[in-house]
């Protein structure tokens, strides 16, 4: 089974890539949604991933009580430098949350009934894979979003 240290290396790869994208884009483009239906801004995607880390790492794995407004994550906007600081804080928090990880043990925090029978809700390790799945998926979306926002034809519109 993977160690917490090795797992966090993969998290860092994805999270650092996302941070680099919003930093490169800055406040204006980082908060802009490409002119494509149902597309999120890079800011929203990273903000959502921080919510994923808090819920699945903090609540499901570590058993901390948290409040999460998932819908609000997709309406978020703000200064990129504050989001980047929150991302670094969330990474430190995730390391603390998984310090006592027991990958094959059941979650310490309750999951939604629909998730309880899935790998994401059956074990702590399953919850961690879900965090990485979300980070990797949304990093790819952010890369496409960045490329769209920076495309010469987008600047002419």
N, C-alpha and C. Protein backbone atom coordinates (compact mmCIF):
# COMPACT_ATOMS: atom_id res chain seq x y z
N UNK A 1 0.84 -1.18 0.00
CA UNK A 1 0.00 0.00 0.00
C UNK A 1 0.88 1.24 0.00
N UNK A 2 0.41 2.29 -0.57
CA UNK A 2 1.16 3.53 -0.67
C UNK A 2 1.27 4.21 0.70
N UNK A 3 2.41 4.83 0.94
CA UNK A 3 2.60 5.57 2.20
C UNK A 3 1.96 6.95 2.07
N UNK A 4 1.68 7.57 3.20
CA UNK A 4 1.14 8.93 3.20
C UNK A 4 2.12 9.87 2.50
N UNK A 5 3.40 9.69 2.73
CA UNK A 5 4.42 10.54 2.10
C UNK A 5 4.39 10.41 0.58
N UNK A 6 4.31 9.18 0.09
CA UNK A 6 4.26 8.97 -1.36
C UNK A 6 2.96 9.53 -1.93
N UNK A 7 1.86 9.31 -1.25
CA UNK A 7 0.57 9.84 -1.69
C UNK A 7 0.63 11.37 -1.83
N UNK A 8 1.20 12.02 -0.83
CA UNK A 8 1.28 13.48 -0.85
C UNK A 8 2.16 13.99 -1.98
N UNK A 9 3.12 13.19 -2.43
CA UNK A 9 3.93 13.58 -3.58
C UNK A 9 3.04 13.75 -4.81
N UNK A 10 2.13 12.81 -5.01
CA UNK A 10 1.20 12.90 -6.15
C UNK A 10 0.23 14.06 -5.98
N UNK A 11 -0.26 14.26 -4.77
CA UNK A 11 -1.12 15.41 -4.49
C UNK A 11 -0.38 16.70 -4.83
N UNK A 12 0.87 16.80 -4.41
CA UNK A 12 1.67 17.99 -4.67
C UNK A 12 1.83 18.24 -6.18
N UNK A 13 2.05 17.19 -6.94
CA UNK A 13 2.18 17.35 -8.39
C UNK A 13 0.93 18.00 -8.97
N UNK A 14 -0.23 17.51 -8.59
CA UNK A 14 -1.48 18.05 -9.12
C UNK A 14 -1.76 19.44 -8.56
N UNK A 15 -1.65 19.59 -7.25
CA UNK A 15 -1.97 20.87 -6.61
C UNK A 15 -1.01 21.97 -7.05
N UNK A 16 0.28 21.66 -7.13
CA UNK A 16 1.25 22.67 -7.58
C UNK A 16 0.97 23.10 -9.02
N UNK A 17 0.55 22.16 -9.85
CA UNK A 17 0.19 22.50 -11.23
C UNK A 17 -1.01 23.42 -11.28
N UNK A 18 -1.98 23.18 -10.43
CA UNK A 18 -3.17 24.04 -10.39
C UNK A 18 -2.83 25.44 -9.88
N UNK A 19 -2.00 25.49 -8.85
CA UNK A 19 -1.56 26.77 -8.29
C UNK A 19 -0.80 27.56 -9.35
N UNK A 20 0.04 26.88 -10.11
CA UNK A 20 0.81 27.56 -11.16
C UNK A 20 -0.12 28.17 -12.21
N UNK A 21 -1.18 27.48 -12.54
CA UNK A 21 -2.11 27.98 -13.55
C UNK A 21 -2.82 29.24 -13.07
N UNK A 22 -3.38 29.21 -11.87
CA UNK A 22 -4.09 30.43 -11.41
C UNK A 22 -3.11 31.57 -11.20
N UNK A 23 -1.90 31.26 -10.78
CA UNK A 23 -0.88 32.31 -10.60
C UNK A 23 -0.52 32.93 -11.95
N UNK A 24 -0.32 32.10 -12.95
CA UNK A 24 -0.01 32.59 -14.29
C UNK A 24 -1.13 33.47 -14.84
N UNK A 25 -2.36 33.07 -14.60
CA UNK A 25 -3.50 33.81 -15.15
C UNK A 25 -3.81 35.09 -14.39
N UNK A 26 -3.53 35.12 -13.10
CA UNK A 26 -3.80 36.31 -12.31
C UNK A 26 -5.29 36.47 -11.99
N UNK A 27 -5.60 37.57 -11.33
CA UNK A 27 -6.96 37.79 -10.85
C UNK A 27 -7.99 37.86 -11.97
N UNK A 28 -7.68 38.55 -13.06
CA UNK A 28 -8.68 38.72 -14.12
C UNK A 28 -8.98 37.41 -14.83
N UNK A 29 -7.98 36.84 -15.49
CA UNK A 29 -8.21 35.60 -16.24
C UNK A 29 -8.45 34.40 -15.33
N UNK A 30 -7.85 34.41 -14.16
CA UNK A 30 -8.06 33.30 -13.23
C UNK A 30 -9.50 33.16 -12.77
N UNK A 31 -10.23 34.26 -12.77
CA UNK A 31 -11.64 34.27 -12.37
C UNK A 31 -12.60 34.24 -13.56
N UNK A 32 -12.07 34.19 -14.76
CA UNK A 32 -12.91 34.23 -15.96
C UNK A 32 -13.28 32.82 -16.40
N UNK A 33 -14.52 32.68 -16.83
CA UNK A 33 -14.99 31.42 -17.40
C UNK A 33 -14.88 31.53 -18.92
N UNK A 34 -14.27 30.56 -19.57
CA UNK A 34 -14.24 30.61 -21.03
C UNK A 34 -15.66 30.64 -21.59
N UNK A 35 -15.79 31.17 -22.77
CA UNK A 35 -17.11 31.28 -23.40
C UNK A 35 -17.51 29.94 -23.99
N UNK A 36 -17.66 28.98 -23.12
CA UNK A 36 -18.06 27.61 -23.45
C UNK A 36 -19.11 27.21 -22.42
N UNK A 37 -20.24 26.68 -22.86
CA UNK A 37 -21.30 26.34 -21.90
C UNK A 37 -20.81 25.43 -20.76
N UNK A 38 -21.28 25.74 -19.57
CA UNK A 38 -21.03 24.94 -18.37
C UNK A 38 -19.55 24.81 -18.01
N UNK A 39 -18.75 25.82 -18.33
CA UNK A 39 -17.33 25.80 -18.01
C UNK A 39 -17.08 26.62 -16.76
N UNK A 40 -16.20 26.15 -15.92
CA UNK A 40 -15.83 26.86 -14.69
C UNK A 40 -14.54 27.63 -14.90
N UNK A 41 -14.34 28.63 -14.07
CA UNK A 41 -13.09 29.37 -14.11
C UNK A 41 -12.00 28.55 -13.42
N UNK A 42 -10.74 28.84 -13.72
CA UNK A 42 -9.66 28.18 -12.99
C UNK A 42 -9.76 28.40 -11.48
N UNK A 43 -10.16 29.60 -11.07
CA UNK A 43 -10.34 29.89 -9.65
C UNK A 43 -11.35 28.92 -9.04
N UNK A 44 -12.50 28.77 -9.69
CA UNK A 44 -13.54 27.87 -9.19
C UNK A 44 -13.02 26.45 -9.06
N UNK A 45 -12.30 25.99 -10.06
CA UNK A 45 -11.82 24.60 -10.03
C UNK A 45 -10.88 24.35 -8.86
N UNK A 46 -9.96 25.27 -8.63
CA UNK A 46 -9.05 25.10 -7.49
C UNK A 46 -9.80 25.24 -6.17
N UNK A 47 -10.69 26.22 -6.09
CA UNK A 47 -11.49 26.40 -4.87
C UNK A 47 -12.28 25.13 -4.55
N UNK A 48 -12.89 24.54 -5.57
CA UNK A 48 -13.63 23.29 -5.39
C UNK A 48 -12.71 22.17 -4.89
N UNK A 49 -11.52 22.08 -5.46
CA UNK A 49 -10.58 21.02 -5.04
C UNK A 49 -10.16 21.18 -3.58
N UNK A 50 -10.08 22.40 -3.10
CA UNK A 50 -9.77 22.62 -1.69
C UNK A 50 -10.92 22.11 -0.83
N UNK A 51 -12.15 22.28 -1.30
CA UNK A 51 -13.30 21.72 -0.60
C UNK A 51 -13.28 20.20 -0.60
N UNK A 52 -12.87 19.62 -1.71
CA UNK A 52 -12.74 18.16 -1.81
C UNK A 52 -11.72 17.65 -0.79
N UNK A 53 -10.58 18.32 -0.73
CA UNK A 53 -9.52 17.91 0.20
C UNK A 53 -10.01 18.01 1.65
N UNK A 54 -10.70 19.08 1.97
CA UNK A 54 -11.21 19.29 3.33
C UNK A 54 -12.24 18.23 3.70
N UNK A 55 -13.19 17.99 2.80
CA UNK A 55 -14.25 17.03 3.11
C UNK A 55 -13.72 15.59 3.16
N UNK A 56 -13.08 15.16 2.08
CA UNK A 56 -12.67 13.75 1.99
C UNK A 56 -11.47 13.44 2.88
N UNK A 57 -10.54 14.37 3.02
CA UNK A 57 -9.39 14.15 3.89
C UNK A 57 -9.71 14.47 5.34
N UNK A 58 -10.30 15.64 5.55
CA UNK A 58 -10.57 16.09 6.92
C UNK A 58 -11.72 15.37 7.57
N UNK A 59 -12.82 15.25 6.85
CA UNK A 59 -13.99 14.61 7.45
C UNK A 59 -13.96 13.09 7.29
N UNK A 60 -13.90 12.62 6.06
CA UNK A 60 -14.02 11.18 5.81
C UNK A 60 -12.84 10.41 6.39
N UNK A 61 -11.60 10.87 6.13
CA UNK A 61 -10.43 10.13 6.61
C UNK A 61 -10.14 10.43 8.08
N UNK A 62 -10.06 11.71 8.44
CA UNK A 62 -9.63 12.09 9.80
C UNK A 62 -10.78 12.14 10.79
N UNK A 63 -12.01 12.27 10.31
CA UNK A 63 -13.15 12.31 11.21
C UNK A 63 -13.44 13.69 11.80
N UNK A 64 -12.83 14.74 11.23
CA UNK A 64 -13.11 16.09 11.71
C UNK A 64 -14.50 16.52 11.27
N UNK A 65 -15.13 17.32 12.09
CA UNK A 65 -16.42 17.89 11.74
C UNK A 65 -16.16 19.13 10.88
N UNK A 66 -16.74 19.16 9.70
CA UNK A 66 -16.55 20.32 8.82
C UNK A 66 -17.89 20.73 8.24
N UNK A 67 -17.94 21.97 7.78
CA UNK A 67 -19.10 22.46 7.06
C UNK A 67 -18.65 22.76 5.64
N UNK A 68 -19.39 22.24 4.69
CA UNK A 68 -19.03 22.43 3.29
C UNK A 68 -20.26 22.85 2.51
N UNK A 69 -20.12 23.88 1.71
CA UNK A 69 -21.17 24.31 0.81
C UNK A 69 -20.67 24.06 -0.60
N UNK A 70 -20.90 22.85 -1.07
CA UNK A 70 -20.37 22.43 -2.37
C UNK A 70 -20.88 23.32 -3.50
N UNK A 71 -22.14 23.67 -3.46
CA UNK A 71 -22.70 24.53 -4.51
C UNK A 71 -21.99 25.88 -4.56
N UNK A 72 -21.68 26.44 -3.40
CA UNK A 72 -21.00 27.73 -3.35
C UNK A 72 -19.59 27.65 -3.94
N UNK A 73 -18.97 26.47 -3.89
CA UNK A 73 -17.63 26.31 -4.46
C UNK A 73 -17.63 26.67 -5.94
N UNK A 74 -18.75 26.42 -6.61
CA UNK A 74 -18.81 26.65 -8.05
C UNK A 74 -19.25 28.08 -8.40
N UNK A 75 -19.47 28.90 -7.39
CA UNK A 75 -19.76 30.32 -7.60
C UNK A 75 -18.62 31.20 -7.09
N UNK A 76 -17.57 30.61 -6.60
CA UNK A 76 -16.48 31.34 -5.94
C UNK A 76 -15.69 32.21 -6.92
N UNK A 77 -15.18 33.29 -6.39
CA UNK A 77 -14.24 34.15 -7.12
C UNK A 77 -13.49 34.97 -6.07
N UNK A 78 -12.39 35.55 -6.49
CA UNK A 78 -11.63 36.37 -5.55
C UNK A 78 -10.19 36.52 -5.98
N UNK A 79 -9.40 37.13 -5.10
CA UNK A 79 -7.98 37.33 -5.41
C UNK A 79 -7.22 36.00 -5.47
N UNK A 80 -6.43 35.85 -6.51
CA UNK A 80 -5.67 34.62 -6.71
C UNK A 80 -4.66 34.40 -5.57
N UNK A 81 -4.02 35.47 -5.10
CA UNK A 81 -3.01 35.27 -4.06
C UNK A 81 -3.62 34.70 -2.78
N UNK A 82 -4.84 35.08 -2.46
CA UNK A 82 -5.52 34.50 -1.29
C UNK A 82 -5.85 33.03 -1.51
N UNK A 83 -6.28 32.69 -2.72
CA UNK A 83 -6.58 31.30 -3.05
C UNK A 83 -5.32 30.44 -2.98
N UNK A 84 -4.22 30.97 -3.47
CA UNK A 84 -2.94 30.24 -3.42
C UNK A 84 -2.52 30.00 -1.97
N UNK A 85 -2.66 31.00 -1.12
CA UNK A 85 -2.34 30.83 0.31
C UNK A 85 -3.24 29.77 0.93
N UNK A 86 -4.52 29.76 0.57
CA UNK A 86 -5.43 28.73 1.08
C UNK A 86 -5.05 27.34 0.57
N UNK A 87 -4.57 27.26 -0.66
CA UNK A 87 -4.14 25.97 -1.20
C UNK A 87 -2.96 25.41 -0.42
N UNK A 88 -2.01 26.27 -0.08
CA UNK A 88 -0.85 25.81 0.71
C UNK A 88 -1.29 25.38 2.11
N UNK A 89 -2.21 26.11 2.68
CA UNK A 89 -2.75 25.76 4.00
C UNK A 89 -3.51 24.43 3.92
N UNK A 90 -4.30 24.25 2.87
CA UNK A 90 -5.06 23.01 2.70
C UNK A 90 -4.14 21.81 2.54
N UNK A 91 -3.03 22.00 1.86
CA UNK A 91 -2.06 20.90 1.69
C UNK A 91 -1.46 20.50 3.03
N UNK A 92 -1.11 21.51 3.85
CA UNK A 92 -0.57 21.20 5.19
C UNK A 92 -1.63 20.49 6.03
N UNK A 93 -2.87 20.92 5.92
CA UNK A 93 -3.96 20.31 6.68
C UNK A 93 -4.18 18.87 6.23
N UNK A 94 -4.10 18.62 4.92
CA UNK A 94 -4.27 17.25 4.42
C UNK A 94 -3.19 16.34 4.98
N UNK A 95 -1.95 16.82 5.03
CA UNK A 95 -0.86 16.01 5.60
C UNK A 95 -1.16 15.65 7.05
N UNK A 96 -1.67 16.60 7.81
CA UNK A 96 -2.03 16.32 9.21
C UNK A 96 -3.21 15.35 9.27
N UNK A 97 -4.17 15.52 8.38
CA UNK A 97 -5.36 14.67 8.38
C UNK A 97 -5.05 13.21 8.07
N UNK A 98 -4.03 12.97 7.27
CA UNK A 98 -3.74 11.58 6.91
C UNK A 98 -2.55 11.01 7.68
N UNK A 99 -2.08 11.73 8.67
CA UNK A 99 -0.92 11.25 9.45
C UNK A 99 -1.20 9.91 10.11
N UNK A 100 -2.42 9.68 10.54
CA UNK A 100 -2.80 8.42 11.19
C UNK A 100 -3.63 7.54 10.26
N UNK A 101 -3.38 7.64 8.98
CA UNK A 101 -4.12 6.91 7.97
C UNK A 101 -4.06 5.40 8.20
N UNK A 102 -5.19 4.76 8.06
CA UNK A 102 -5.28 3.31 8.03
C UNK A 102 -6.03 2.99 6.73
N UNK A 103 -5.31 2.79 5.62
CA UNK A 103 -5.92 2.73 4.29
C UNK A 103 -7.06 1.74 4.13
N UNK A 104 -7.00 0.62 4.83
CA UNK A 104 -8.04 -0.40 4.65
C UNK A 104 -9.17 -0.28 5.67
N UNK A 105 -9.03 0.64 6.62
CA UNK A 105 -10.06 0.82 7.65
C UNK A 105 -11.22 1.64 7.10
N UNK A 106 -12.38 1.48 7.73
CA UNK A 106 -13.51 2.31 7.32
C UNK A 106 -13.25 3.78 7.62
N UNK A 107 -13.95 4.67 6.96
CA UNK A 107 -13.79 6.09 7.22
C UNK A 107 -14.09 6.42 8.69
N UNK A 108 -13.43 7.46 9.17
CA UNK A 108 -13.69 7.94 10.53
C UNK A 108 -14.89 8.88 10.55
N UNK A 109 -15.20 9.47 9.41
CA UNK A 109 -16.36 10.35 9.29
C UNK A 109 -17.40 9.71 8.38
N UNK A 110 -18.64 9.97 8.67
CA UNK A 110 -19.74 9.39 7.89
C UNK A 110 -19.76 9.98 6.48
N UNK A 111 -20.10 9.15 5.52
CA UNK A 111 -20.25 9.59 4.14
C UNK A 111 -21.72 9.56 3.78
N UNK A 112 -22.05 10.16 2.65
CA UNK A 112 -23.43 10.13 2.16
C UNK A 112 -23.82 8.68 1.87
N UNK A 113 -25.08 8.34 2.07
CA UNK A 113 -25.51 6.96 1.83
C UNK A 113 -25.14 6.44 0.44
N UNK A 114 -25.22 7.30 -0.56
CA UNK A 114 -24.88 6.87 -1.93
C UNK A 114 -23.40 6.52 -2.06
N UNK A 115 -22.54 7.13 -1.24
CA UNK A 115 -21.11 6.88 -1.30
C UNK A 115 -20.67 5.70 -0.43
N UNK A 116 -21.47 5.35 0.55
CA UNK A 116 -21.08 4.35 1.54
C UNK A 116 -20.76 2.98 0.94
N UNK A 117 -21.39 2.65 -0.18
CA UNK A 117 -21.15 1.35 -0.79
C UNK A 117 -20.09 1.38 -1.87
N UNK A 118 -19.61 2.58 -2.18
CA UNK A 118 -18.57 2.74 -3.21
C UNK A 118 -17.19 2.72 -2.56
N UNK A 119 -16.13 2.46 -3.33
CA UNK A 119 -14.79 2.50 -2.76
C UNK A 119 -14.47 3.81 -2.04
N UNK A 120 -14.99 4.94 -2.53
CA UNK A 120 -14.69 6.24 -1.90
C UNK A 120 -15.23 6.31 -0.48
N UNK A 121 -16.27 5.55 -0.19
CA UNK A 121 -16.89 5.61 1.13
C UNK A 121 -16.68 4.39 2.00
N UNK A 122 -16.02 3.37 1.45
CA UNK A 122 -15.81 2.14 2.23
C UNK A 122 -14.54 2.15 3.04
N UNK A 123 -13.48 2.81 2.52
CA UNK A 123 -12.20 2.80 3.22
C UNK A 123 -11.56 4.18 3.18
N UNK A 124 -10.66 4.39 4.12
CA UNK A 124 -9.89 5.64 4.13
C UNK A 124 -9.04 5.74 2.85
N UNK A 125 -8.47 4.64 2.43
CA UNK A 125 -7.68 4.64 1.21
C UNK A 125 -8.51 5.00 -0.01
N UNK A 126 -9.74 4.50 -0.05
CA UNK A 126 -10.65 4.84 -1.15
C UNK A 126 -10.94 6.33 -1.19
N UNK A 127 -11.11 6.94 -0.02
CA UNK A 127 -11.35 8.38 0.04
C UNK A 127 -10.15 9.15 -0.48
N UNK A 128 -8.93 8.68 -0.16
CA UNK A 128 -7.73 9.37 -0.66
C UNK A 128 -7.60 9.26 -2.18
N UNK A 129 -7.94 8.11 -2.72
CA UNK A 129 -7.90 7.96 -4.17
C UNK A 129 -8.88 8.94 -4.80
N UNK A 130 -10.02 9.13 -4.17
CA UNK A 130 -11.01 10.08 -4.69
C UNK A 130 -10.46 11.50 -4.68
N UNK A 131 -9.75 11.88 -3.64
CA UNK A 131 -9.14 13.21 -3.62
C UNK A 131 -8.20 13.37 -4.80
N UNK A 132 -7.33 12.40 -5.00
CA UNK A 132 -6.39 12.49 -6.12
C UNK A 132 -7.13 12.50 -7.46
N UNK A 133 -8.16 11.67 -7.58
CA UNK A 133 -8.95 11.64 -8.80
C UNK A 133 -9.49 13.04 -9.13
N UNK A 134 -10.03 13.71 -8.13
CA UNK A 134 -10.57 15.06 -8.34
C UNK A 134 -9.48 16.06 -8.70
N UNK A 135 -8.35 16.00 -8.01
CA UNK A 135 -7.24 16.91 -8.30
C UNK A 135 -6.73 16.71 -9.73
N UNK A 136 -6.53 15.47 -10.12
CA UNK A 136 -6.01 15.19 -11.46
C UNK A 136 -7.00 15.60 -12.54
N UNK A 137 -8.26 15.27 -12.33
CA UNK A 137 -9.30 15.61 -13.31
C UNK A 137 -9.41 17.13 -13.47
N UNK A 138 -9.47 17.84 -12.37
CA UNK A 138 -9.66 19.28 -12.44
C UNK A 138 -8.39 20.01 -12.87
N UNK A 139 -7.23 19.42 -12.63
CA UNK A 139 -6.01 20.03 -13.16
C UNK A 139 -6.06 20.00 -14.69
N UNK A 140 -6.48 18.89 -15.24
CA UNK A 140 -6.61 18.81 -16.70
C UNK A 140 -7.62 19.81 -17.23
N UNK A 141 -8.73 19.97 -16.53
CA UNK A 141 -9.71 20.97 -16.95
C UNK A 141 -9.11 22.38 -16.88
N UNK A 142 -8.34 22.63 -15.83
CA UNK A 142 -7.71 23.95 -15.70
C UNK A 142 -6.71 24.20 -16.83
N UNK A 143 -5.99 23.18 -17.24
CA UNK A 143 -5.03 23.34 -18.33
C UNK A 143 -5.76 23.70 -19.62
N UNK A 144 -6.86 23.02 -19.90
CA UNK A 144 -7.66 23.34 -21.09
C UNK A 144 -8.26 24.73 -20.98
N UNK A 145 -8.75 25.07 -19.81
CA UNK A 145 -9.33 26.38 -19.57
C UNK A 145 -8.29 27.48 -19.78
N UNK A 146 -7.10 27.28 -19.21
CA UNK A 146 -6.00 28.24 -19.39
C UNK A 146 -5.67 28.41 -20.86
N UNK A 147 -5.55 27.29 -21.57
CA UNK A 147 -5.21 27.36 -22.99
C UNK A 147 -6.28 28.11 -23.77
N UNK A 148 -7.51 27.93 -23.42
CA UNK A 148 -8.61 28.63 -24.08
C UNK A 148 -8.57 30.12 -23.76
N UNK A 149 -8.36 30.44 -22.49
CA UNK A 149 -8.33 31.85 -22.09
C UNK A 149 -7.15 32.61 -22.69
N UNK A 150 -6.04 31.91 -22.92
CA UNK A 150 -4.84 32.56 -23.46
C UNK A 150 -4.72 32.47 -24.98
N UNK A 151 -5.63 31.76 -25.62
CA UNK A 151 -5.56 31.60 -27.08
C UNK A 151 -5.69 32.95 -27.76
N UNK A 152 -4.93 33.15 -28.85
CA UNK A 152 -5.01 34.45 -29.56
C UNK A 152 -6.43 34.79 -30.00
N UNK A 153 -7.18 33.81 -30.44
CA UNK A 153 -8.55 34.07 -30.89
C UNK A 153 -9.45 34.48 -29.73
N UNK A 154 -9.13 34.03 -28.51
CA UNK A 154 -9.94 34.42 -27.34
C UNK A 154 -9.70 35.88 -26.99
N UNK A 155 -8.47 36.34 -27.17
CA UNK A 155 -8.15 37.73 -26.85
C UNK A 155 -8.76 38.69 -27.88
N UNK A 156 -9.05 38.18 -29.06
CA UNK A 156 -9.64 39.04 -30.09
C UNK A 156 -11.15 39.17 -29.91
N UNK A 157 -11.74 38.26 -29.19
CA UNK A 157 -13.21 38.27 -29.03
C UNK A 157 -13.65 39.41 -28.13
